[in-house]
């Protein structure tokens, strides 16, 4: 009788524990995918910002060169206070 009672009782913990672990692992996989997508979107946005920054720097450089040429053509050496003369000549 003692052997029947012990054979009929199954430990409920391992099955629940396995189910809980599987559920947790699925959640982690979904979270990883979401974070990868967020990371990818941020990476692409960052690249666009850096490209725009590069274009704007180039444009500012060309405008500064044009401004310097026009000012030197007019004979003005230090029109804007605070600008070093090296930028104007």
Protein backbone atom coordinates (compact mmCIF):
# COMPACT_ATOMS: atom_id res chain seq x y z
CA UNK A 1 0.00 0.00 0.00
CA UNK A 2 2.85 2.29 0.70
CA UNK A 3 4.29 1.72 -2.77
CA UNK A 4 0.92 2.49 -4.45
CA UNK A 5 0.66 5.85 -2.72
CA UNK A 6 4.16 6.94 -3.64
CA UNK A 7 3.74 5.81 -7.26
CA UNK A 8 0.46 7.72 -7.68
CA UNK A 9 1.87 11.02 -6.45
CA UNK A 10 3.71 12.89 -9.20
CA UNK A 11 5.75 15.94 -8.41
CA UNK A 12 3.87 18.91 -9.92
CA UNK A 13 6.81 21.29 -9.75
CA UNK A 14 8.99 20.08 -12.66
CA UNK A 15 6.14 20.33 -15.20
CA UNK A 16 5.13 23.78 -14.05
CA UNK A 17 8.73 24.84 -13.85
CA UNK A 18 9.37 23.67 -17.42
CA UNK A 19 6.26 25.46 -18.69
CA UNK A 20 7.26 28.63 -16.86
CA UNK A 21 10.78 28.45 -18.28
CA UNK A 22 9.45 27.96 -21.81
CA UNK A 23 7.09 30.90 -21.42
CA UNK A 24 9.91 33.04 -20.06
CA UNK A 25 12.19 32.02 -22.93
CA UNK A 26 9.51 32.95 -25.51
CA UNK A 27 9.11 36.35 -23.83
CA UNK A 28 12.86 36.90 -23.90
CA UNK A 29 13.03 36.00 -27.60
CA UNK A 30 10.22 38.46 -28.40
CA UNK A 31 11.91 41.14 -26.31
CA UNK A 32 15.21 40.51 -28.12
CA UNK A 33 13.51 40.88 -31.50
CA UNK A 34 11.81 44.11 -30.42
CA UNK A 35 15.09 45.52 -29.12
CA UNK A 36 16.88 44.55 -32.32
CA UNK A 37 14.27 46.40 -34.38
CA UNK A 38 14.48 49.47 -32.14
CA UNK A 39 18.27 49.34 -32.37
CA UNK A 40 18.15 49.06 -36.16
CA UNK A 41 15.76 52.02 -36.45
CA UNK A 42 17.97 54.15 -34.19
CA UNK A 43 21.06 53.13 -36.16
CA UNK A 44 19.46 54.13 -39.47
CA UNK A 45 18.19 57.41 -38.02
CA UNK A 46 21.68 58.14 -36.67
CA UNK A 47 23.23 57.48 -40.09
CA UNK A 48 20.75 59.87 -41.72
CA UNK A 49 21.56 62.57 -39.15
CA UNK A 50 25.31 62.09 -39.67
CA UNK A 51 24.89 62.31 -43.46
CA UNK A 52 22.83 65.49 -43.15
CA UNK A 53 25.42 66.92 -40.78
CA UNK A 54 28.18 66.16 -43.31
CA UNK A 55 26.21 67.85 -46.11
CA UNK A 56 25.51 70.92 -43.96
CA UNK A 57 29.17 71.21 -42.95
CA UNK A 58 30.21 71.09 -46.59
CA UNK A 59 27.60 73.71 -47.49
CA UNK A 60 28.75 75.96 -44.63
CA UNK A 61 32.36 75.61 -45.78
CA UNK A 62 31.45 76.58 -49.36
CA UNK A 63 29.35 79.53 -48.18
CA UNK A 64 32.20 80.69 -45.95
CA UNK A 65 34.58 80.51 -48.92
CA UNK A 66 32.18 82.47 -51.08
CA UNK A 67 31.68 85.05 -48.35
CA UNK A 68 35.43 85.41 -47.89
CA UNK A 69 35.93 85.88 -51.63
CA UNK A 70 33.19 88.51 -51.83
CA UNK A 71 34.51 90.38 -48.79
CA UNK A 72 38.06 90.37 -50.12
CA UNK A 73 36.74 91.63 -53.47
CA UNK A 74 35.14 94.54 -51.61
CA UNK A 75 38.31 95.11 -49.59
CA UNK A 76 36.70 94.44 -46.20
CA UNK A 77 39.01 92.63 -43.79
CA UNK A 78 37.12 92.29 -40.49
CA UNK A 79 33.40 92.80 -41.02
CA UNK A 80 32.07 90.44 -38.37
CA UNK A 81 33.31 91.05 -34.81
CA UNK A 82 34.73 87.94 -33.21
CA UNK A 83 35.73 86.34 -36.48
CA UNK A 84 39.44 85.83 -36.80
CA UNK A 85 40.89 87.61 -39.82
CA UNK A 86 42.26 84.28 -41.07
CA UNK A 87 38.71 83.21 -41.93
CA UNK A 88 38.14 86.31 -43.99
CA UNK A 89 41.33 86.28 -46.00
